[in-house]
Amino acid sequence: SWAVLASAVATLVAWVLLLAPSTPRPMWQLAVFAV
């Protein structure tokens, strides 16, 4: 279950970093988000 919860936390952080700015993100950040 720790793998499940760790993945959930990482996903939440990725979404926040993507959606918080009001401008398009650079390609490298979109790539990290996808990973």
PDB file of all heavy atoms in Angstrom:
ATOM      1  N   SER A   1       0.816  -1.215   0.000  1.00  0.00           N
ATOM      2  CA  SER A   1       0.000   0.000   0.000  1.00  0.00           C
ATOM      3  C   SER A   1       0.849   1.264   0.000  1.00  0.00           C
ATOM      4  O   SER A   1       0.384   2.328  -0.432  1.00  0.00           O
ATOM      5  CB  SER A   1      -0.936   0.012   1.212  1.00  0.00           C
ATOM      6  OG  SER A   1      -0.196  -0.008   2.424  1.00  0.00           O
ATOM      7  N   TRP A   2       2.102   1.175   0.485  1.00  0.00           N
ATOM      8  CA  TRP A   2       2.959   2.351   0.468  1.00  0.00           C
ATOM      9  C   TRP A   2       3.280   2.777  -0.950  1.00  0.00           C
ATOM     10  O   TRP A   2       3.437   3.983  -1.225  1.00  0.00           O
ATOM     11  CB  TRP A   2       4.239   2.084   1.250  1.00  0.00           C
ATOM     12  CG  TRP A   2       4.027   2.150   2.738  1.00  0.00           C
ATOM     13  CD1 TRP A   2       3.944   1.096   3.607  1.00  0.00           C
ATOM     14  CD2 TRP A   2       3.843   3.330   3.523  1.00  0.00           C
ATOM     15  NE1 TRP A   2       3.718   1.547   4.886  1.00  0.00           N
ATOM     16  CE2 TRP A   2       3.652   2.912   4.870  1.00  0.00           C
ATOM     17  CE3 TRP A   2       3.807   4.691   3.235  1.00  0.00           C
ATOM     18  CZ2 TRP A   2       3.441   3.816   5.906  1.00  0.00           C
ATOM     19  CZ3 TRP A   2       3.600   5.585   4.264  1.00  0.00           C
ATOM     20  CH2 TRP A   2       3.413   5.149   5.578  1.00  0.00           C
ATOM     21  N   ALA A   3       3.406   1.841  -1.860  1.00  0.00           N
ATOM     22  CA  ALA A   3       3.637   2.200  -3.262  1.00  0.00           C
ATOM     23  C   ALA A   3       2.449   2.973  -3.817  1.00  0.00           C
ATOM     24  O   ALA A   3       2.607   3.938  -4.572  1.00  0.00           O
ATOM     25  CB  ALA A   3       3.892   0.938  -4.087  1.00  0.00           C
ATOM     26  N   VAL A   4       1.242   2.561  -3.435  1.00  0.00           N
ATOM     27  CA  VAL A   4       0.030   3.236  -3.897  1.00  0.00           C
ATOM     28  C   VAL A   4      -0.018   4.664  -3.367  1.00  0.00           C
ATOM     29  O   VAL A   4      -0.267   5.621  -4.118  1.00  0.00           O
ATOM     30  CB  VAL A   4      -1.213   2.449  -3.451  1.00  0.00           C
ATOM     31  CG1 VAL A   4      -2.496   3.187  -3.834  1.00  0.00           C
ATOM     32  CG2 VAL A   4      -1.207   1.046  -4.062  1.00  0.00           C
ATOM     33  N   LEU A   5       0.223   4.841  -2.073  1.00  0.00           N
ATOM     34  CA  LEU A   5       0.144   6.172  -1.483  1.00  0.00           C
ATOM     35  C   LEU A   5       1.268   7.080  -1.974  1.00  0.00           C
ATOM     36  O   LEU A   5       1.054   8.285  -2.197  1.00  0.00           O
ATOM     37  CB  LEU A   5       0.187   6.051   0.040  1.00  0.00           C
ATOM     38  CG  LEU A   5      -1.019   5.347   0.668  1.00  0.00           C
ATOM     39  CD1 LEU A   5      -0.783   5.086   2.151  1.00  0.00           C
ATOM     40  CD2 LEU A   5      -2.289   6.170   0.476  1.00  0.00           C
ATOM     41  N   ALA A   6       2.463   6.537  -2.176  1.00  0.00           N
ATOM     42  CA  ALA A   6       3.567   7.348  -2.697  1.00  0.00           C
ATOM     43  C   ALA A   6       3.256   7.849  -4.099  1.00  0.00           C
ATOM     44  O   ALA A   6       3.519   9.013  -4.440  1.00  0.00           O
ATOM     45  CB  ALA A   6       4.860   6.536  -2.693  1.00  0.00           C
ATOM     46  N   SER A   7       2.684   6.978  -4.929  1.00  0.00           N
ATOM     47  CA  SER A   7       2.304   7.390  -6.283  1.00  0.00           C
ATOM     48  C   SER A   7       1.240   8.471  -6.246  1.00  0.00           C
ATOM     49  O   SER A   7       1.275   9.431  -7.030  1.00  0.00           O
ATOM     50  CB  SER A   7       1.796   6.177  -7.066  1.00  0.00           C
ATOM     51  OG  SER A   7       1.299   6.561  -8.331  1.00  0.00           O
ATOM     52  N   ALA A   8       0.284   8.341  -5.317  1.00  0.00           N
ATOM     53  CA  ALA A   8      -0.779   9.346  -5.207  1.00  0.00           C
ATOM     54  C   ALA A   8      -0.216  10.713  -4.836  1.00  0.00           C
ATOM     55  O   ALA A   8      -0.621  11.739  -5.398  1.00  0.00           O
ATOM     56  CB  ALA A   8      -1.811   8.894  -4.176  1.00  0.00           C
ATOM     57  N   VAL A   9       0.711  10.751  -3.894  1.00  0.00           N
ATOM     58  CA  VAL A   9       1.307  12.022  -3.484  1.00  0.00           C
ATOM     59  C   VAL A   9       2.094  12.643  -4.637  1.00  0.00           C
ATOM     60  O   VAL A   9       1.993  13.850  -4.910  1.00  0.00           O
ATOM     61  CB  VAL A   9       2.201  11.825  -2.251  1.00  0.00           C
ATOM     62  CG1 VAL A   9       2.992  13.096  -1.950  1.00  0.00           C
ATOM     63  CG2 VAL A   9       1.362  11.424  -1.049  1.00  0.00           C
ATOM     64  N   ALA A  10       2.882  11.826  -5.338  1.00  0.00           N
ATOM     65  CA  ALA A  10       3.657  12.342  -6.467  1.00  0.00           C
ATOM     66  C   ALA A  10       2.751  12.895  -7.562  1.00  0.00           C
ATOM     67  O   ALA A  10       3.036  13.938  -8.169  1.00  0.00           O
ATOM     68  CB  ALA A  10       4.546  11.235  -7.024  1.00  0.00           C
ATOM     69  N   THR A  11       1.634  12.215  -7.806  1.00  0.00           N
ATOM     70  CA  THR A  11       0.690  12.688  -8.822  1.00  0.00           C
ATOM     71  C   THR A  11       0.087  14.019  -8.430  1.00  0.00           C
ATOM     72  O   THR A  11      -0.054  14.932  -9.261  1.00  0.00           O
ATOM     73  CB  THR A  11      -0.414  11.642  -9.018  1.00  0.00           C
ATOM     74  OG1 THR A  11       0.169  10.422  -9.494  1.00  0.00           O
ATOM     75  CG2 THR A  11      -1.450  12.125 -10.024  1.00  0.00           C
ATOM     76  N   LEU A  12      -0.289  14.175  -7.163  1.00  0.00           N
ATOM     77  CA  LEU A  12      -0.859  15.436  -6.703  1.00  0.00           C
ATOM     78  C   LEU A  12       0.135  16.581  -6.874  1.00  0.00           C
ATOM     79  O   LEU A  12      -0.222  17.667  -7.363  1.00  0.00           O
ATOM     80  CB  LEU A  12      -1.267  15.314  -5.232  1.00  0.00           C
ATOM     81  CG  LEU A  12      -1.830  16.584  -4.597  1.00  0.00           C
ATOM     82  CD1 LEU A  12      -3.127  17.002  -5.266  1.00  0.00           C
ATOM     83  CD2 LEU A  12      -2.036  16.380  -3.093  1.00  0.00           C
ATOM     84  N   VAL A  13       1.376  16.358  -6.501  1.00  0.00           N
ATOM     85  CA  VAL A  13       2.403  17.401  -6.643  1.00  0.00           C
ATOM     86  C   VAL A  13       2.584  17.775  -8.112  1.00  0.00           C
ATOM     87  O   VAL A  13       2.698  18.961  -8.465  1.00  0.00           O
ATOM     88  CB  VAL A  13       3.731  16.932  -6.025  1.00  0.00           C
ATOM     89  CG1 VAL A  13       4.860  17.908  -6.347  1.00  0.00           C
ATOM     90  CG2 VAL A  13       3.592  16.767  -4.516  1.00  0.00           C
ATOM     91  N   ALA A  14       2.595  16.779  -8.993  1.00  0.00           N
ATOM     92  CA  ALA A  14       2.772  17.047 -10.426  1.00  0.00           C
ATOM     93  C   ALA A  14       1.633  17.905 -10.973  1.00  0.00           C
ATOM     94  O   ALA A  14       1.860  18.837 -11.761  1.00  0.00           O
ATOM     95  CB  ALA A  14       2.872  15.732 -11.184  1.00  0.00           C
ATOM     96  N   TRP A  15       0.396  17.595 -10.572  1.00  0.00           N
ATOM     97  CA  TRP A  15      -0.745  18.386 -11.034  1.00  0.00           C
ATOM     98  C   TRP A  15      -0.668  19.826 -10.517  1.00  0.00           C
ATOM     99  O   TRP A  15      -0.956  20.783 -11.255  1.00  0.00           O
ATOM    100  CB  TRP A  15      -2.059  17.756 -10.581  1.00  0.00           C
ATOM    101  CG  TRP A  15      -2.600  16.694 -11.489  1.00  0.00           C
ATOM    102  CD1 TRP A  15      -2.775  15.380 -11.190  1.00  0.00           C
ATOM    103  CD2 TRP A  15      -3.079  16.862 -12.832  1.00  0.00           C
ATOM    104  NE1 TRP A  15      -3.323  14.711 -12.271  1.00  0.00           N
ATOM    105  CE2 TRP A  15      -3.520  15.602 -13.288  1.00  0.00           C
ATOM    106  CE3 TRP A  15      -3.157  17.957 -13.697  1.00  0.00           C
ATOM    107  CZ2 TRP A  15      -4.039  15.403 -14.560  1.00  0.00           C
ATOM    108  CZ3 TRP A  15      -3.672  17.763 -14.983  1.00  0.00           C
ATOM    109  CH2 TRP A  15      -4.107  16.496 -15.398  1.00  0.00           C
ATOM    110  N   VAL A  16      -0.323  19.997  -9.251  1.00  0.00           N
ATOM    111  CA  VAL A  16      -0.263  21.346  -8.673  1.00  0.00           C
ATOM    112  C   VAL A  16       0.777  22.188  -9.405  1.00  0.00           C
ATOM    113  O   VAL A  16       0.528  23.354  -9.766  1.00  0.00           O
ATOM    114  CB  VAL A  16       0.052  21.268  -7.166  1.00  0.00           C
ATOM    115  CG1 VAL A  16       0.370  22.653  -6.612  1.00  0.00           C
ATOM    116  CG2 VAL A  16      -1.126  20.652  -6.416  1.00  0.00           C
ATOM    117  N   LEU A  17       1.956  21.604  -9.660  1.00  0.00           N
ATOM    118  CA  LEU A  17       3.010  22.356 -10.338  1.00  0.00           C
ATOM    119  C   LEU A  17       2.635  22.680 -11.784  1.00  0.00           C
ATOM    120  O   LEU A  17       3.079  23.695 -12.334  1.00  0.00           O
ATOM    121  CB  LEU A  17       4.319  21.560 -10.305  1.00  0.00           C
ATOM    122  CG  LEU A  17       4.941  21.373  -8.918  1.00  0.00           C
ATOM    123  CD1 LEU A  17       6.195  20.512  -9.007  1.00  0.00           C
ATOM    124  CD2 LEU A  17       5.264  22.714  -8.278  1.00  0.00           C
ATOM    125  N   LEU A  18       1.799  21.847 -12.392  1.00  0.00           N
ATOM    126  CA  LEU A  18       1.382  22.102 -13.769  1.00  0.00           C
ATOM    127  C   LEU A  18       0.289  23.159 -13.848  1.00  0.00           C
ATOM    128  O   LEU A  18       0.302  24.018 -14.743  1.00  0.00           O
ATOM    129  CB  LEU A  18       0.885  20.801 -14.406  1.00  0.00           C
ATOM    130  CG  LEU A  18       0.375  20.924 -15.848  1.00  0.00           C
ATOM    131  CD1 LEU A  18       1.533  21.188 -16.803  1.00  0.00           C
ATOM    132  CD2 LEU A  18      -0.386  19.676 -16.258  1.00  0.00           C
ATOM    133  N   LEU A  19      -0.676  23.102 -12.927  1.00  0.00           N
ATOM    134  CA  LEU A  19      -1.868  23.934 -13.043  1.00  0.00           C
ATOM    135  C   LEU A  19      -1.782  25.260 -12.296  1.00  0.00           C
ATOM    136  O   LEU A  19      -2.555  26.176 -12.596  1.00  0.00           O
ATOM    137  CB  LEU A  19      -3.089  23.155 -12.532  1.00  0.00           C
ATOM    138  CG  LEU A  19      -3.422  21.859 -13.263  1.00  0.00           C
ATOM    139  CD1 LEU A  19      -4.645  21.205 -12.650  1.00  0.00           C
ATOM    140  CD2 LEU A  19      -3.640  22.104 -14.753  1.00  0.00           C
ATOM    141  N   ALA A  20      -0.897  25.371 -11.327  1.00  0.00           N
ATOM    142  CA  ALA A  20      -0.822  26.619 -10.562  1.00  0.00           C
ATOM    143  C   ALA A  20      -0.445  27.823 -11.431  1.00  0.00           C
ATOM    144  O   ALA A  20      -1.078  28.882 -11.326  1.00  0.00           O
ATOM    145  CB  ALA A  20       0.154  26.458  -9.398  1.00  0.00           C
ATOM    146  N   PRO A  21       0.558  27.727 -12.322  1.00  0.00           N
ATOM    147  CA  PRO A  21       0.868  28.875 -13.180  1.00  0.00           C
ATOM    148  C   PRO A  21      -0.236  29.103 -14.216  1.00  0.00           C
ATOM    149  O   PRO A  21      -0.883  28.155 -14.674  1.00  0.00           O
ATOM    150  CB  PRO A  21       2.185  28.468 -13.863  1.00  0.00           C
ATOM    151  CG  PRO A  21       2.742  27.364 -13.028  1.00  0.00           C
ATOM    152  CD  PRO A  21       1.550  26.652 -12.475  1.00  0.00           C
ATOM    153  N   SER A  22      -0.424  30.360 -14.588  1.00  0.00           N
ATOM    154  CA  SER A  22      -1.485  30.705 -15.546  1.00  0.00           C
ATOM    155  C   SER A  22      -0.986  30.793 -16.980  1.00  0.00           C
ATOM    156  O   SER A  22      -1.719  31.264 -17.857  1.00  0.00           O
ATOM    157  CB  SER A  22      -2.123  32.043 -15.145  1.00  0.00           C
ATOM    158  OG  SER A  22      -1.142  33.069 -15.127  1.00  0.00           O
ATOM    159  N   THR A  23       0.239  30.372 -17.229  1.00  0.00           N
ATOM    160  CA  THR A  23       0.822  30.419 -18.574  1.00  0.00           C
ATOM    161  C   THR A  23       1.235  29.014 -18.997  1.00  0.00           C
ATOM    162  O   THR A  23       1.450  28.136 -18.148  1.00  0.00           O
ATOM    163  CB  THR A  23       2.047  31.347 -18.603  1.00  0.00           C
ATOM    164  OG1 THR A  23       2.990  30.897 -17.611  1.00  0.00           O
ATOM    165  CG2 THR A  23       1.643  32.775 -18.309  1.00  0.00           C
ATOM    166  N   PRO A  24       1.362  28.768 -20.308  1.00  0.00           N
ATOM    167  CA  PRO A  24       1.809  27.449 -20.768  1.00  0.00           C
ATOM    168  C   PRO A  24       3.164  27.088 -20.172  1.00  0.00           C
ATOM    169  O   PRO A  24       4.035  27.947 -19.974  1.00  0.00           O
ATOM    170  CB  PRO A  24       1.880  27.609 -22.292  1.00  0.00           C
ATOM    171  CG  PRO A  24       0.912  28.699 -22.598  1.00  0.00           C
ATOM    172  CD  PRO A  24       0.996  29.646 -21.429  1.00  0.00           C
ATOM    173  N   ARG A  25       3.343  25.815 -19.924  1.00  0.00           N
ATOM    174  CA  ARG A  25       4.561  25.325 -19.286  1.00  0.00           C
ATOM    175  C   ARG A  25       5.592  24.936 -20.347  1.00  0.00           C
ATOM    176  O   ARG A  25       5.252  24.546 -21.467  1.00  0.00           O
ATOM    177  CB  ARG A  25       4.255  24.111 -18.417  1.00  0.00           C
ATOM    178  CG  ARG A  25       3.312  24.367 -17.257  1.00  0.00           C
ATOM    179  CD  ARG A  25       3.922  25.298 -16.207  1.00  0.00           C
ATOM    180  NE  ARG A  25       3.827  26.710 -16.565  1.00  0.00           N
ATOM    181  CZ  ARG A  25       4.675  27.662 -16.173  1.00  0.00           C
ATOM    182  NH1 ARG A  25       5.718  27.347 -15.442  1.00  0.00           N
ATOM    183  NH2 ARG A  25       4.501  28.911 -16.528  1.00  0.00           N
ATOM    184  N   PRO A  26       6.882  25.047 -19.999  1.00  0.00           N
ATOM    185  CA  PRO A  26       7.917  24.600 -20.947  1.00  0.00           C
ATOM    186  C   PRO A  26       7.840  23.098 -21.186  1.00  0.00           C
ATOM    187  O   PRO A  26       7.298  22.341 -20.372  1.00  0.00           O
ATOM    188  CB  PRO A  26       9.212  24.999 -20.237  1.00  0.00           C
ATOM    189  CG  PRO A  26       8.853  25.130 -18.797  1.00  0.00           C
ATOM    190  CD  PRO A  26       7.439  25.597 -18.764  1.00  0.00           C
ATOM    191  N   MET A  27       8.409  22.684 -22.281  1.00  0.00           N
ATOM    192  CA  MET A  27       8.316  21.283 -22.673  1.00  0.00           C
ATOM    193  C   MET A  27       8.915  20.350 -21.624  1.00  0.00           C
ATOM    194  O   MET A  27       8.390  19.278 -21.367  1.00  0.00           O
ATOM    195  CB  MET A  27       9.020  21.074 -24.026  1.00  0.00           C
ATOM    196  CG  MET A  27       8.850  19.696 -24.612  1.00  0.00           C
ATOM    197  SD  MET A  27       7.119  19.354 -25.063  1.00  0.00           S
ATOM    198  CE  MET A  27       7.272  17.705 -25.760  1.00  0.00           C
ATOM    199  N   TRP A  28      10.018  20.781 -20.984  1.00  0.00           N
ATOM    200  CA  TRP A  28      10.649  19.900 -20.005  1.00  0.00           C
ATOM    201  C   TRP A  28       9.710  19.622 -18.832  1.00  0.00           C
ATOM    202  O   TRP A  28       9.681  18.507 -18.308  1.00  0.00           O
ATOM    203  CB  TRP A  28      11.975  20.482 -19.516  1.00  0.00           C
ATOM    204  CG  TRP A  28      11.854  21.703 -18.648  1.00  0.00           C
ATOM    205  CD1 TRP A  28      11.946  23.011 -19.031  1.00  0.00           C
ATOM    206  CD2 TRP A  28      11.621  21.727 -17.227  1.00  0.00           C
ATOM    207  NE1 TRP A  28      11.771  23.856 -17.964  1.00  0.00           N
ATOM    208  CE2 TRP A  28      11.577  23.103 -16.837  1.00  0.00           C
ATOM    209  CE3 TRP A  28      11.437  20.749 -16.257  1.00  0.00           C
ATOM    210  CZ2 TRP A  28      11.355  23.503 -15.520  1.00  0.00           C
ATOM    211  CZ3 TRP A  28      11.212  21.137 -14.945  1.00  0.00           C
ATOM    212  CH2 TRP A  28      11.181  22.495 -14.580  1.00  0.00           C
ATOM    213  N   GLN A  29       8.934  20.653 -18.409  1.00  0.00           N
ATOM    214  CA  GLN A  29       8.018  20.438 -17.291  1.00  0.00           C
ATOM    215  C   GLN A  29       6.870  19.521 -17.701  1.00  0.00           C
ATOM    216  O   GLN A  29       6.431  18.673 -16.909  1.00  0.00           O
ATOM    217  CB  GLN A  29       7.467  21.759 -16.772  1.00  0.00           C
ATOM    218  CG  GLN A  29       6.608  21.582 -15.525  1.00  0.00           C
ATOM    219  CD  GLN A  29       6.127  22.888 -14.938  1.00  0.00           C
ATOM    220  OE1 GLN A  29       6.616  23.960 -15.293  1.00  0.00           O
ATOM    221  NE2 GLN A  29       5.162  22.821 -14.026  1.00  0.00           N
ATOM    222  N   LEU A  30       6.360  19.688 -18.915  1.00  0.00           N
ATOM    223  CA  LEU A  30       5.320  18.778 -19.395  1.00  0.00           C
ATOM    224  C   LEU A  30       5.843  17.343 -19.456  1.00  0.00           C
ATOM    225  O   LEU A  30       5.114  16.393 -19.163  1.00  0.00           O
ATOM    226  CB  LEU A  30       4.840  19.225 -20.774  1.00  0.00           C
ATOM    227  CG  LEU A  30       4.144  20.592 -20.830  1.00  0.00           C
ATOM    228  CD1 LEU A  30       3.807  20.944 -22.274  1.00  0.00           C
ATOM    229  CD2 LEU A  30       2.884  20.607 -19.971  1.00  0.00           C
ATOM    230  N   ALA A  31       7.121  17.201 -19.831  1.00  0.00           N
ATOM    231  CA  ALA A  31       7.710  15.860 -19.894  1.00  0.00           C
ATOM    232  C   ALA A  31       7.815  15.237 -18.503  1.00  0.00           C
ATOM    233  O   ALA A  31       7.491  14.051 -18.303  1.00  0.00           O
ATOM    234  CB  ALA A  31       9.083  15.931 -20.557  1.00  0.00           C
ATOM    235  N   VAL A  32       8.254  16.025 -17.519  1.00  0.00           N
ATOM    236  CA  VAL A  32       8.338  15.510 -16.145  1.00  0.00           C
ATOM    237  C   VAL A  32       6.954  15.131 -15.639  1.00  0.00           C
ATOM    238  O   VAL A  32       6.764  14.086 -14.988  1.00  0.00           O
ATOM    239  CB  VAL A  32       8.998  16.554 -15.224  1.00  0.00           C
ATOM    240  CG1 VAL A  32       8.916  16.113 -13.765  1.00  0.00           C
ATOM    241  CG2 VAL A  32      10.449  16.774 -15.628  1.00  0.00           C
ATOM    242  N   PHE A  33       5.983  15.968 -15.926  1.00  0.00           N
ATOM    243  CA  PHE A  33       4.605  15.685 -15.537  1.00  0.00           C
ATOM    244  C   PHE A  33       4.141  14.352 -16.126  1.00  0.00           C
ATOM    245  O   PHE A  33       3.544  13.513 -15.430  1.00  0.00           O
ATOM    246  CB  PHE A  33       3.710  16.830 -16.017  1.00  0.00           C
ATOM    247  CG  PHE A  33       2.238  16.552 -15.930  1.00  0.00           C
ATOM    248  CD1 PHE A  33       1.579  16.591 -14.714  1.00  0.00           C
ATOM    249  CD2 PHE A  33       1.511  16.242 -17.065  1.00  0.00           C
ATOM    250  CE1 PHE A  33       0.216  16.330 -14.628  1.00  0.00           C
ATOM    251  CE2 PHE A  33       0.145  15.989 -16.993  1.00  0.00           C
ATOM    252  CZ  PHE A  33      -0.503  16.027 -15.776  1.00  0.00           C
ATOM    253  N   ALA A  34       4.404  14.136 -17.424  1.00  0.00           N
ATOM    254  CA  ALA A  34       3.998  12.884 -18.072  1.00  0.00           C
ATOM    255  C   ALA A  34       4.673  11.676 -17.431  1.00  0.00           C
ATOM    256  O   ALA A  34       4.048  10.621 -17.254  1.00  0.00           O
ATOM    257  CB  ALA A  34       4.320  12.949 -19.571  1.00  0.00           C
ATOM    258  N   VAL A  35       5.935  11.823 -17.069  1.00  0.00           N
ATOM    259  CA  VAL A  35       6.659  10.716 -16.440  1.00  0.00           C
ATOM    260  C   VAL A  35       6.040  10.369 -15.089  1.00  0.00           C
ATOM    261  O   VAL A  35       5.829   9.186 -14.762  1.00  0.00           O
ATOM    262  CB  VAL A  35       8.149  11.078 -16.273  1.00  0.00           C
ATOM    263  CG1 VAL A  35       8.858  10.064 -15.377  1.00  0.00           C
ATOM    264  CG2 VAL A  35       8.832  11.127 -17.638  1.00  0.00           C
TER     265      VAL A  35
END
